[in-house]
Structures are given as C-alpha cells and as structure tokens.
Protein backbone atom coordinates (compact mmCIF):
# COMPACT_ATOMS: atom_id res chain seq x y z
CA MET A 1 6.72 -30.61 -46.90
CA LYS A 2 7.69 -30.80 -43.23
CA SER A 3 7.52 -27.03 -42.91
CA THR A 4 3.92 -26.87 -44.18
CA ALA A 5 2.85 -29.62 -41.79
CA MET A 6 4.53 -27.79 -38.87
CA LEU A 7 2.93 -24.51 -39.95
CA ALA A 8 -0.51 -26.16 -40.11
CA ALA A 9 -0.02 -27.67 -36.64
CA LEU A 10 1.08 -24.30 -35.24
CA ILE A 11 -1.93 -22.51 -36.72
CA ALA A 12 -4.28 -25.18 -35.36
CA SER A 13 -2.81 -24.94 -31.85
CA VAL A 14 -3.01 -21.13 -31.80
CA ALA A 15 -6.58 -21.16 -33.09
CA GLY A 16 -7.56 -23.73 -30.46
CA THR A 17 -6.14 -21.76 -27.55
CA ALA A 18 -7.65 -18.48 -28.74
CA ALA A 19 -11.11 -20.05 -29.06
CA SER A 20 -10.94 -21.66 -25.62
CA ALA A 21 -9.89 -18.49 -23.81
CA GLU A 22 -12.66 -17.00 -21.70
CA PRO A 23 -13.49 -13.34 -22.28
CA LYS A 24 -12.60 -10.98 -19.45
CA ALA A 25 -15.36 -9.44 -17.39
CA PRO A 26 -15.99 -5.77 -18.20
CA PRO A 27 -14.81 -3.25 -15.60
CA PRO A 28 -17.45 -2.09 -13.10
CA PRO A 29 -19.37 1.09 -13.96
CA ALA A 30 -18.06 4.33 -12.52
CA ALA A 31 -21.07 4.56 -10.18
CA GLU A 32 -19.99 1.38 -8.37
CA LEU A 33 -16.44 2.58 -7.70
CA THR A 34 -15.97 3.93 -4.22
CA ALA A 35 -13.30 6.30 -3.01
CA PRO A 36 -11.36 5.46 0.15
CA ALA A 37 -12.68 7.07 3.29
CA PRO A 38 -10.79 10.22 4.24
CA THR A 39 -8.62 9.77 7.29
CA VAL A 40 -9.40 11.97 10.24
CA SER A 41 -6.43 13.48 11.99
CA PRO A 42 -6.52 12.54 15.70
CA GLY A 43 -4.88 15.84 16.65
CA PRO A 44 -1.52 17.55 16.55
CA ARG A 45 1.61 15.45 16.71
CA TYR A 46 4.50 16.24 19.02
CA CYS A 47 8.02 15.19 18.11
CA LEU A 48 10.76 14.48 20.64
CA LYS A 49 14.41 13.67 20.08
CA MET A 50 15.33 10.56 22.01
CA GLU A 51 18.64 8.92 22.79
CA VAL A 52 19.19 5.42 21.48
CA PRO A 53 21.32 3.29 23.81
CA GLY A 54 24.73 2.59 22.26
CA SER A 55 24.40 5.28 19.59
CA LEU A 56 25.46 8.90 19.32
CA ILE A 57 22.63 9.71 16.92
CA LEU A 58 19.38 11.07 18.37
CA ARG A 59 16.19 9.49 17.03
CA ARG A 60 13.10 11.61 16.40
CA GLU A 61 9.71 10.16 17.40
CA CYS A 62 6.40 11.87 16.60
CA ARG A 63 3.12 10.92 18.31
CA THR A 64 -0.14 12.46 19.41
CA VAL A 65 -0.80 13.42 23.03
CA ASP A 66 -2.63 10.13 23.57
CA GLY A 67 0.28 8.22 22.02
CA TRP A 68 2.74 9.84 24.40
CA LYS A 69 0.43 9.23 27.38
CA ALA A 70 0.51 5.52 26.53
CA HIS A 71 4.30 5.70 27.00
CA ASP A 72 4.01 7.72 30.26
CA VAL A 73 5.30 10.98 28.74
CA ASP A 74 3.54 14.27 29.55
CA VAL A 75 4.14 16.32 26.41
CA VAL A 76 1.92 19.16 27.59
CA ALA A 77 4.31 19.75 30.51
CA LEU A 78 7.31 19.51 28.18
CA VAL A 79 5.83 22.08 25.80
CA LYS A 80 5.16 24.55 28.64
CA ARG A 81 8.84 24.59 29.64
C-alpha cells in the first residue's frame, strides 16, 4: 500500500516538472551564423634567442619588426649581419 502511494507521488512530481519546463529556443538559421573574421598577418616574424638572467637556458622570442622596434631592437640590422 505504501509503495503504490509513493509511486503515485513520484509520477505526479515527474509529470509536474516536465509540464512546467520551458521549451528551448530553436537554433538560429544557418544564414544568421557568421564566421569569425580572418586575421591579417602584420608581416614576417623574427625570432631571437635571448639570455634569461640566472638561467643557462636561452629563451626564444618571436615578434614583428614593429614589435622589436617597440623594445628598441633593430632586427633589420641584425639580419644583415
């Protein structure tokens, strides 16, 4: 007797939660989906091996010419060597 009452209560609670759940919105049509903008390469990258203070391992840093100019490094002169 107790098991049928518990079963009835369980069915009622599941039916109540399923009915109250809101339906999910449909996915947007394929025409509305946009692809990410392609990234434009700012130019060639130049890599230098740099010493790290307190370490015996050289670290490699790669940047564009403008990136190296911001750090006061003339990579064009280094490449011509």
